[in-house]
Amino acid sequence: MSLFDNLSGYWFRIQDSLFPWMEEKIGELTNKQLQLVTALEIIRIEAFIQNCVGFPGRPLEDRIAIARAFVAKMVYNLPTTRALLDRLECDIKLRRICGWGKKSQVPSESTFSRAFAEFAEGELPQKVHAALIKETYGDQLVGHISRDSTKIEAREKPVKKAEPVKEE
């Protein structure tokens, strides 16, 4: 299946069923929110995060919601985690898209930092990217090469320097 067919199928499913359902549940979505929902639906980051239920100690905050929030940080082009947390505090729709119903459910900045370290150590972004490429292209060979044909002014030999005239 080609990339175009794959993306067209995703887009049809998202546009036809997911957007109306979400708008019914949380209200009309902005363009950025639609962009975020589309990205989350395509990458399906939930499939790459382990459920940590049953381990000893204090239960971890919901890593899936935190991962979705990090995707939102990229889509919204937010420079810091603090900016993301501020946005989550005031934007109820964004909070619900990420997976939290109430302000009090959003974890602290330090929890986000620990989760980010876990995602980096577990190579979560690389795994998601590799899975998208494998799903899209499978075993196909990408059949194109990009070459830069910009003309560069250069000489084969350096310019000879004029010898200084010696006066006697």
N, C-alpha and C. Protein backbone atom coordinates (compact mmCIF):
# COMPACT_ATOMS: atom_id res chain seq x y z
N MET A 1 0.85 -1.17 0.00
CA MET A 1 0.00 0.00 0.00
C MET A 1 0.90 1.24 0.00
N SER A 2 0.58 2.19 -0.84
CA SER A 2 1.41 3.39 -0.95
C SER A 2 1.15 4.34 0.22
N LEU A 3 2.07 5.26 0.38
CA LEU A 3 1.94 6.27 1.44
C LEU A 3 0.65 7.07 1.24
N PHE A 4 0.36 7.44 0.01
CA PHE A 4 -0.84 8.22 -0.29
C PHE A 4 -2.10 7.45 0.12
N ASP A 5 -2.17 6.17 -0.26
CA ASP A 5 -3.33 5.36 0.09
C ASP A 5 -3.47 5.21 1.60
N ASN A 6 -2.34 5.00 2.25
CA ASN A 6 -2.33 4.84 3.70
C ASN A 6 -2.84 6.10 4.39
N LEU A 7 -2.28 7.25 4.01
CA LEU A 7 -2.70 8.51 4.62
C LEU A 7 -4.14 8.87 4.26
N SER A 8 -4.54 8.56 3.04
CA SER A 8 -5.92 8.83 2.63
C SER A 8 -6.90 8.02 3.48
N GLY A 9 -6.55 6.77 3.75
CA GLY A 9 -7.40 5.94 4.59
C GLY A 9 -7.51 6.48 6.00
N TYR A 10 -6.36 6.87 6.55
CA TYR A 10 -6.37 7.48 7.89
C TYR A 10 -7.23 8.73 7.89
N TRP A 11 -6.99 9.60 6.92
CA TRP A 11 -7.69 10.88 6.90
C TRP A 11 -9.20 10.67 6.76
N PHE A 12 -9.61 9.73 5.92
CA PHE A 12 -11.04 9.47 5.75
C PHE A 12 -11.65 9.01 7.07
N ARG A 13 -10.97 8.09 7.76
CA ARG A 13 -11.48 7.58 9.02
C ARG A 13 -11.54 8.69 10.08
N ILE A 14 -10.50 9.50 10.14
CA ILE A 14 -10.45 10.58 11.13
C ILE A 14 -11.53 11.61 10.86
N GLN A 15 -11.62 12.04 9.61
CA GLN A 15 -12.55 13.10 9.25
C GLN A 15 -14.00 12.63 9.33
N ASP A 16 -14.23 11.38 8.96
CA ASP A 16 -15.60 10.88 8.86
C ASP A 16 -16.18 10.47 10.21
N SER A 17 -15.34 9.90 11.09
CA SER A 17 -15.92 9.39 12.34
C SER A 17 -15.33 10.01 13.60
N LEU A 18 -14.02 10.23 13.64
CA LEU A 18 -13.41 10.70 14.88
C LEU A 18 -13.73 12.16 15.18
N PHE A 19 -13.60 13.04 14.19
CA PHE A 19 -13.85 14.46 14.45
C PHE A 19 -15.28 14.73 14.92
N PRO A 20 -16.30 14.18 14.24
CA PRO A 20 -17.66 14.43 14.73
C PRO A 20 -17.88 13.90 16.15
N TRP A 21 -17.31 12.73 16.45
CA TRP A 21 -17.46 12.16 17.79
C TRP A 21 -16.80 13.05 18.84
N MET A 22 -15.59 13.53 18.55
CA MET A 22 -14.88 14.38 19.50
C MET A 22 -15.60 15.71 19.69
N GLU A 23 -16.08 16.29 18.60
CA GLU A 23 -16.79 17.56 18.71
C GLU A 23 -18.08 17.41 19.51
N GLU A 24 -18.70 16.24 19.41
CA GLU A 24 -19.90 15.97 20.20
C GLU A 24 -19.55 15.86 21.69
N LYS A 25 -18.40 15.27 21.99
CA LYS A 25 -17.99 15.06 23.38
C LYS A 25 -17.42 16.32 24.04
N ILE A 26 -16.53 17.04 23.33
CA ILE A 26 -15.84 18.17 23.99
C ILE A 26 -16.09 19.52 23.33
N GLY A 27 -16.88 19.57 22.30
CA GLY A 27 -17.17 20.85 21.65
C GLY A 27 -16.36 21.01 20.37
N GLU A 28 -16.60 22.12 19.69
CA GLU A 28 -15.93 22.37 18.42
C GLU A 28 -14.43 22.53 18.62
N LEU A 29 -13.66 21.92 17.72
CA LEU A 29 -12.20 21.93 17.83
C LEU A 29 -11.59 22.99 16.94
N THR A 30 -10.50 23.61 17.43
CA THR A 30 -9.75 24.58 16.62
C THR A 30 -8.89 23.82 15.61
N ASN A 31 -8.28 24.56 14.68
CA ASN A 31 -7.41 23.92 13.69
C ASN A 31 -6.24 23.20 14.34
N LYS A 32 -5.63 23.82 15.37
CA LYS A 32 -4.50 23.18 16.07
C LYS A 32 -4.96 21.91 16.77
N GLN A 33 -6.14 21.95 17.37
CA GLN A 33 -6.65 20.76 18.04
C GLN A 33 -6.94 19.65 17.04
N LEU A 34 -7.48 20.00 15.88
CA LEU A 34 -7.69 19.01 14.83
C LEU A 34 -6.36 18.43 14.36
N GLN A 35 -5.36 19.28 14.24
CA GLN A 35 -4.03 18.84 13.84
C GLN A 35 -3.46 17.86 14.88
N LEU A 36 -3.64 18.17 16.16
CA LEU A 36 -3.16 17.30 17.23
C LEU A 36 -3.88 15.96 17.21
N VAL A 37 -5.19 15.98 17.09
CA VAL A 37 -5.97 14.73 17.06
C VAL A 37 -5.54 13.88 15.87
N THR A 38 -5.32 14.51 14.73
CA THR A 38 -4.87 13.78 13.55
C THR A 38 -3.51 13.13 13.80
N ALA A 39 -2.58 13.89 14.37
CA ALA A 39 -1.24 13.35 14.66
C ALA A 39 -1.33 12.19 15.64
N LEU A 40 -2.12 12.35 16.69
CA LEU A 40 -2.25 11.28 17.69
C LEU A 40 -2.89 10.03 17.09
N GLU A 41 -3.85 10.23 16.20
CA GLU A 41 -4.51 9.08 15.58
C GLU A 41 -3.56 8.34 14.63
N ILE A 42 -2.73 9.07 13.94
CA ILE A 42 -1.81 8.44 12.99
C ILE A 42 -0.68 7.71 13.71
N ILE A 43 -0.07 8.36 14.71
CA ILE A 43 1.10 7.73 15.34
C ILE A 43 0.72 6.68 16.38
N ARG A 44 -0.46 6.79 16.98
CA ARG A 44 -0.93 5.83 17.98
C ARG A 44 0.15 5.51 19.02
N ILE A 45 0.57 6.53 19.72
CA ILE A 45 1.67 6.42 20.67
C ILE A 45 1.34 5.48 21.84
N GLU A 46 0.06 5.25 22.10
CA GLU A 46 -0.35 4.38 23.20
C GLU A 46 0.20 2.97 23.04
N ALA A 47 0.35 2.52 21.81
CA ALA A 47 0.81 1.15 21.55
C ALA A 47 2.27 0.94 21.94
N PHE A 48 3.01 2.00 22.16
CA PHE A 48 4.44 1.89 22.43
C PHE A 48 4.79 2.11 23.90
N ILE A 49 3.80 2.33 24.74
CA ILE A 49 4.05 2.62 26.15
C ILE A 49 3.57 1.45 26.99
N GLN A 50 4.46 0.98 27.86
CA GLN A 50 4.12 -0.15 28.73
C GLN A 50 3.22 0.31 29.86
N ASN A 51 2.28 -0.56 30.21
CA ASN A 51 1.41 -0.30 31.35
C ASN A 51 2.14 -0.77 32.60
N CYS A 52 2.31 0.09 33.57
CA CYS A 52 3.10 -0.22 34.76
C CYS A 52 2.24 -0.62 35.95
N VAL A 53 1.06 -1.16 35.73
CA VAL A 53 0.18 -1.57 36.81
C VAL A 53 0.74 -2.86 37.42
N GLY A 54 0.72 -2.93 38.74
CA GLY A 54 1.15 -4.15 39.41
C GLY A 54 2.57 -4.13 39.92
N PHE A 55 3.33 -3.07 39.62
CA PHE A 55 4.68 -2.97 40.14
C PHE A 55 4.62 -2.47 41.58
N PRO A 56 5.60 -2.85 42.42
CA PRO A 56 5.60 -2.36 43.79
C PRO A 56 5.90 -0.86 43.84
N GLY A 57 5.44 -0.23 44.92
CA GLY A 57 5.69 1.20 45.08
C GLY A 57 4.50 2.03 44.64
N ARG A 58 4.70 3.33 44.69
CA ARG A 58 3.65 4.26 44.31
C ARG A 58 3.39 4.14 42.81
N PRO A 59 2.12 4.07 42.41
CA PRO A 59 1.83 3.95 40.97
C PRO A 59 2.30 5.18 40.21
N LEU A 60 2.79 4.95 39.00
CA LEU A 60 3.24 6.05 38.16
C LEU A 60 2.04 6.83 37.62
N GLU A 61 2.27 8.10 37.33
CA GLU A 61 1.23 8.89 36.66
C GLU A 61 1.00 8.27 35.28
N ASP A 62 -0.13 8.57 34.71
CA ASP A 62 -0.51 8.00 33.42
C ASP A 62 0.49 8.40 32.34
N ARG A 63 1.34 7.47 31.94
CA ARG A 63 2.38 7.75 30.95
C ARG A 63 1.81 7.99 29.56
N ILE A 64 0.69 7.38 29.27
CA ILE A 64 0.07 7.58 27.95
C ILE A 64 -0.38 9.03 27.80
N ALA A 65 -1.04 9.56 28.83
CA ALA A 65 -1.49 10.95 28.78
C ALA A 65 -0.29 11.90 28.69
N ILE A 66 0.78 11.58 29.41
CA ILE A 66 1.97 12.43 29.36
C ILE A 66 2.60 12.38 27.97
N ALA A 67 2.66 11.20 27.37
CA ALA A 67 3.21 11.08 26.01
C ALA A 67 2.36 11.87 25.02
N ARG A 68 1.05 11.80 25.16
CA ARG A 68 0.16 12.56 24.29
C ARG A 68 0.38 14.06 24.49
N ALA A 69 0.64 14.47 25.73
CA ALA A 69 0.92 15.88 26.01
C ALA A 69 2.22 16.32 25.35
N PHE A 70 3.23 15.44 25.32
CA PHE A 70 4.48 15.79 24.65
C PHE A 70 4.27 15.94 23.14
N VAL A 71 3.38 15.14 22.56
CA VAL A 71 3.04 15.31 21.14
C VAL A 71 2.35 16.67 20.96
N ALA A 72 1.47 17.02 21.89
CA ALA A 72 0.80 18.33 21.84
C ALA A 72 1.82 19.46 21.92
N LYS A 73 2.84 19.27 22.73
CA LYS A 73 3.89 20.29 22.86
C LYS A 73 4.55 20.55 21.51
N MET A 74 4.76 19.49 20.74
CA MET A 74 5.38 19.64 19.41
C MET A 74 4.40 20.27 18.42
N VAL A 75 3.16 19.82 18.43
CA VAL A 75 2.16 20.36 17.49
C VAL A 75 1.92 21.84 17.75
N TYR A 76 1.83 22.22 19.01
CA TYR A 76 1.59 23.61 19.39
C TYR A 76 2.87 24.45 19.38
N ASN A 77 4.01 23.80 19.14
CA ASN A 77 5.31 24.48 19.08
C ASN A 77 5.60 25.25 20.37
N LEU A 78 5.38 24.58 21.50
CA LEU A 78 5.63 25.20 22.80
C LEU A 78 7.09 24.97 23.18
N PRO A 79 7.79 26.02 23.60
CA PRO A 79 9.24 25.90 23.82
C PRO A 79 9.63 25.13 25.08
N THR A 80 8.78 25.14 26.10
CA THR A 80 9.15 24.50 27.36
C THR A 80 8.00 23.66 27.90
N THR A 81 8.35 22.77 28.80
CA THR A 81 7.33 21.97 29.47
C THR A 81 6.46 22.86 30.35
N ARG A 82 7.04 23.90 30.93
CA ARG A 82 6.27 24.84 31.74
C ARG A 82 5.18 25.50 30.89
N ALA A 83 5.52 25.87 29.66
CA ALA A 83 4.52 26.47 28.76
C ALA A 83 3.41 25.46 28.44
N LEU A 84 3.79 24.20 28.28
CA LEU A 84 2.80 23.14 28.04
C LEU A 84 1.87 23.01 29.24
N LEU A 85 2.43 22.99 30.44
CA LEU A 85 1.61 22.87 31.65
C LEU A 85 0.67 24.06 31.81
N ASP A 86 1.16 25.26 31.50
CA ASP A 86 0.31 26.45 31.56
C ASP A 86 -0.85 26.33 30.57
N ARG A 87 -0.55 25.82 29.40
CA ARG A 87 -1.58 25.64 28.37
C ARG A 87 -2.60 24.59 28.80
N LEU A 88 -2.11 23.49 29.38
CA LEU A 88 -3.01 22.44 29.86
C LEU A 88 -3.90 22.94 30.99
N GLU A 89 -3.39 23.84 31.78
CA GLU A 89 -4.15 24.38 32.91
C GLU A 89 -5.35 25.20 32.44
N CYS A 90 -5.19 25.94 31.35
CA CYS A 90 -6.26 26.84 30.92
C CYS A 90 -7.09 26.31 29.74
N ASP A 91 -6.63 25.28 29.05
CA ASP A 91 -7.33 24.78 27.86
C ASP A 91 -7.95 23.41 28.15
N ILE A 92 -9.24 23.41 28.47
CA ILE A 92 -9.91 22.17 28.86
C ILE A 92 -9.96 21.16 27.72
N LYS A 93 -10.13 21.64 26.48
CA LYS A 93 -10.19 20.72 25.35
C LYS A 93 -8.86 20.02 25.14
N LEU A 94 -7.77 20.78 25.22
CA LEU A 94 -6.44 20.18 25.08
C LEU A 94 -6.20 19.17 26.19
N ARG A 95 -6.61 19.51 27.40
CA ARG A 95 -6.45 18.61 28.54
C ARG A 95 -7.20 17.31 28.29
N ARG A 96 -8.40 17.39 27.77
CA ARG A 96 -9.20 16.18 27.50
C ARG A 96 -8.62 15.37 26.34
N ILE A 97 -8.12 16.03 25.33
CA ILE A 97 -7.49 15.32 24.21
C ILE A 97 -6.30 14.52 24.72
N CYS A 98 -5.54 15.11 25.64
CA CYS A 98 -4.37 14.43 26.19
C CYS A 98 -4.76 13.30 27.14
N GLY A 99 -5.90 13.40 27.79
CA GLY A 99 -6.35 12.31 28.64
C GLY A 99 -6.65 12.67 30.08
N TRP A 100 -6.70 13.95 30.41
CA TRP A 100 -7.03 14.37 31.77
C TRP A 100 -8.34 15.12 31.76
N GLY A 101 -9.23 14.80 32.69
CA GLY A 101 -10.51 15.48 32.77
C GLY A 101 -10.47 16.74 33.60
N LYS A 102 -9.66 16.73 34.64
CA LYS A 102 -9.62 17.86 35.58
C LYS A 102 -8.22 18.45 35.64
N LYS A 103 -8.14 19.71 36.06
CA LYS A 103 -6.84 20.37 36.24
C LYS A 103 -5.99 19.61 37.25
N SER A 104 -6.64 19.11 38.29
CA SER A 104 -5.91 18.44 39.37
C SER A 104 -5.27 17.13 38.91
N GLN A 105 -5.71 16.58 37.79
CA GLN A 105 -5.14 15.32 37.29
C GLN A 105 -3.85 15.53 36.51
N VAL A 106 -3.59 16.75 36.06
CA VAL A 106 -2.37 17.03 35.28
C VAL A 106 -1.17 16.94 36.23
N PRO A 107 -0.17 16.12 35.90
CA PRO A 107 0.99 15.96 36.79
C PRO A 107 1.86 17.21 36.85
N SER A 108 2.77 17.20 37.80
CA SER A 108 3.67 18.34 37.99
C SER A 108 4.77 18.35 36.93
N GLU A 109 5.51 19.44 36.91
CA GLU A 109 6.61 19.59 35.95
C GLU A 109 7.69 18.53 36.19
N SER A 110 7.95 18.19 37.46
CA SER A 110 8.97 17.19 37.75
C SER A 110 8.54 15.80 37.27
N THR A 111 7.25 15.49 37.34
CA THR A 111 6.75 14.22 36.82
C THR A 111 6.91 14.17 35.31
N PHE A 112 6.62 15.28 34.65
CA PHE A 112 6.84 15.36 33.20
C PHE A 112 8.31 15.13 32.87
N SER A 113 9.18 15.72 33.67
CA SER A 113 10.62 15.59 33.44
C SER A 113 11.07 14.13 33.58
N ARG A 114 10.59 13.45 34.63
CA ARG A 114 10.95 12.03 34.82
C ARG A 114 10.39 11.18 33.68
N ALA A 115 9.16 11.46 33.27
CA ALA A 115 8.56 10.70 32.17
C ALA A 115 9.33 10.94 30.87
N PHE A 116 9.75 12.18 30.64
CA PHE A 116 10.53 12.49 29.44
C PHE A 116 11.84 11.70 29.44
N ALA A 117 12.48 11.61 30.61
CA ALA A 117 13.72 10.84 30.72
C ALA A 117 13.46 9.36 30.43
N GLU A 118 12.35 8.83 30.91
CA GLU A 118 11.99 7.43 30.62
C GLU A 118 11.76 7.23 29.12
N PHE A 119 11.04 8.15 28.50
CA PHE A 119 10.77 8.03 27.07
C PHE A 119 12.06 8.09 26.27
N ALA A 120 12.97 8.98 26.66
CA ALA A 120 14.24 9.11 25.96
C ALA A 120 15.09 7.85 26.14
N GLU A 121 15.14 7.34 27.37
CA GLU A 121 15.93 6.14 27.65
C GLU A 121 15.37 4.93 26.91
N GLY A 122 14.05 4.84 26.85
CA GLY A 122 13.40 3.74 26.14
C GLY A 122 13.30 3.95 24.65
N GLU A 123 13.84 5.06 24.15
CA GLU A 123 13.85 5.41 22.72
C GLU A 123 12.45 5.40 22.12
N LEU A 124 11.49 5.97 22.83
CA LEU A 124 10.11 6.01 22.36
C LEU A 124 9.96 6.71 21.01
N PRO A 125 10.54 7.91 20.81
CA PRO A 125 10.37 8.56 19.50
C PRO A 125 10.94 7.73 18.34
N GLN A 126 12.08 7.09 18.56
CA GLN A 126 12.69 6.28 17.51
C GLN A 126 11.81 5.07 17.18
N LYS A 127 11.22 4.46 18.21
CA LYS A 127 10.36 3.30 17.99
C LYS A 127 9.10 3.69 17.21
N VAL A 128 8.51 4.83 17.57
CA VAL A 128 7.31 5.30 16.87
C VAL A 128 7.65 5.60 15.41
N HIS A 129 8.76 6.28 15.19
CA HIS A 129 9.18 6.62 13.82
C HIS A 129 9.45 5.36 13.01
N ALA A 130 10.17 4.41 13.58
CA ALA A 130 10.47 3.16 12.86
C ALA A 130 9.19 2.40 12.52
N ALA A 131 8.23 2.37 13.43
CA ALA A 131 6.97 1.68 13.17
C ALA A 131 6.18 2.37 12.06
N LEU A 132 6.18 3.71 12.04
CA LEU A 132 5.48 4.43 10.97
C LEU A 132 6.11 4.14 9.61
N ILE A 133 7.43 4.13 9.57
CA ILE A 133 8.12 3.84 8.31
C ILE A 133 7.83 2.41 7.87
N LYS A 134 7.89 1.47 8.81
CA LYS A 134 7.65 0.06 8.47
C LYS A 134 6.22 -0.14 7.99
N GLU A 135 5.26 0.50 8.66
CA GLU A 135 3.87 0.37 8.26
C GLU A 135 3.62 1.01 6.90
N THR A 136 4.25 2.13 6.66
CA THR A 136 4.02 2.87 5.42
C THR A 136 4.73 2.24 4.24
N TYR A 137 6.01 1.92 4.41
CA TYR A 137 6.81 1.44 3.29
C TYR A 137 7.07 -0.06 3.32
N GLY A 138 6.97 -0.71 4.48
CA GLY A 138 7.24 -2.13 4.55
C GLY A 138 8.66 -2.43 4.12
N ASP A 139 8.81 -3.34 3.17
CA ASP A 139 10.13 -3.71 2.68
C ASP A 139 10.48 -3.02 1.36
N GLN A 140 9.72 -2.00 0.99
CA GLN A 140 9.98 -1.29 -0.26
C GLN A 140 11.27 -0.51 -0.18
N LEU A 141 11.89 -0.38 -1.30
CA LEU A 141 13.09 0.44 -1.41
C LEU A 141 12.64 1.82 -1.90
N VAL A 142 13.10 2.85 -1.24
CA VAL A 142 12.75 4.20 -1.66
C VAL A 142 13.56 4.50 -2.90
N GLY A 143 12.89 4.75 -4.01
CA GLY A 143 13.57 4.84 -5.30
C GLY A 143 13.85 6.24 -5.79
N HIS A 144 14.43 7.07 -4.99
CA HIS A 144 14.84 8.38 -5.48
C HIS A 144 16.06 8.86 -4.71
N ILE A 145 16.81 9.70 -5.37
CA ILE A 145 18.00 10.29 -4.77
C ILE A 145 17.94 11.79 -5.02
N SER A 146 18.24 12.56 -4.02
CA SER A 146 18.29 14.01 -4.17
C SER A 146 19.74 14.43 -4.28
N ARG A 147 20.02 15.21 -5.30
CA ARG A 147 21.39 15.71 -5.49
C ARG A 147 21.35 17.21 -5.63
N ASP A 148 22.34 17.83 -5.08
CA ASP A 148 22.45 19.28 -5.16
C ASP A 148 23.26 19.62 -6.40
N SER A 149 22.69 20.39 -7.31
CA SER A 149 23.40 20.74 -8.54
C SER A 149 23.75 22.23 -8.57
N THR A 150 23.90 22.81 -7.42
CA THR A 150 24.25 24.22 -7.34
C THR A 150 25.65 24.44 -7.87
N LYS A 151 25.79 25.45 -8.74
CA LYS A 151 27.09 25.75 -9.31
C LYS A 151 27.96 26.41 -8.25
N ILE A 152 29.15 25.89 -8.08
CA ILE A 152 30.08 26.45 -7.11
C ILE A 152 31.29 26.97 -7.87
N GLU A 153 31.58 28.24 -7.67
CA GLU A 153 32.74 28.85 -8.31
C GLU A 153 34.00 28.33 -7.62
N ALA A 154 34.87 27.70 -8.40
CA ALA A 154 36.12 27.18 -7.84
C ALA A 154 37.15 27.09 -8.95
N ARG A 155 38.39 27.04 -8.57
CA ARG A 155 39.49 26.90 -9.53
C ARG A 155 40.14 25.55 -9.31
N GLU A 156 40.71 25.02 -10.38
CA GLU A 156 41.42 23.76 -10.23
C GLU A 156 42.76 23.97 -9.56
N LYS A 157 43.38 25.09 -9.88
CA LYS A 157 44.67 25.42 -9.27
C LYS A 157 44.55 26.80 -8.65
N PRO A 158 45.28 27.04 -7.58
CA PRO A 158 45.23 28.38 -6.98
C PRO A 158 45.86 29.41 -7.90
N VAL A 159 45.41 30.64 -7.76
CA VAL A 159 45.96 31.75 -8.54
C VAL A 159 47.40 31.99 -8.09
N LYS A 160 48.29 32.17 -9.11
CA LYS A 160 49.69 32.43 -8.77
C LYS A 160 49.83 33.84 -8.23
N LYS A 161 50.61 33.94 -7.18
CA LYS A 161 50.86 35.24 -6.58
C LYS A 161 52.00 35.91 -7.33
N ALA A 162 51.87 37.19 -7.51
CA ALA A 162 52.94 37.94 -8.18
C ALA A 162 54.14 38.03 -7.24
N GLU A 163 55.30 37.74 -7.80
CA GLU A 163 56.51 37.81 -6.97
C GLU A 163 56.90 39.26 -6.78
N PRO A 164 57.29 39.62 -5.58
CA PRO A 164 57.69 41.01 -5.35
C PRO A 164 58.98 41.32 -6.10
N VAL A 165 59.05 42.49 -6.67
CA VAL A 165 60.24 42.93 -7.42
C VAL A 165 61.30 43.36 -6.43
N LYS A 166 62.50 42.82 -6.60
CA LYS A 166 63.60 43.16 -5.69
C LYS A 166 64.35 44.35 -6.27
N GLU A 167 64.53 45.33 -5.46
CA GLU A 167 65.29 46.51 -5.89
C GLU A 167 66.71 46.40 -5.39
N GLU A 168 67.68 46.76 -6.24
CA GLU A 168 69.09 46.68 -5.85
C GLU A 168 69.66 48.00 -5.58
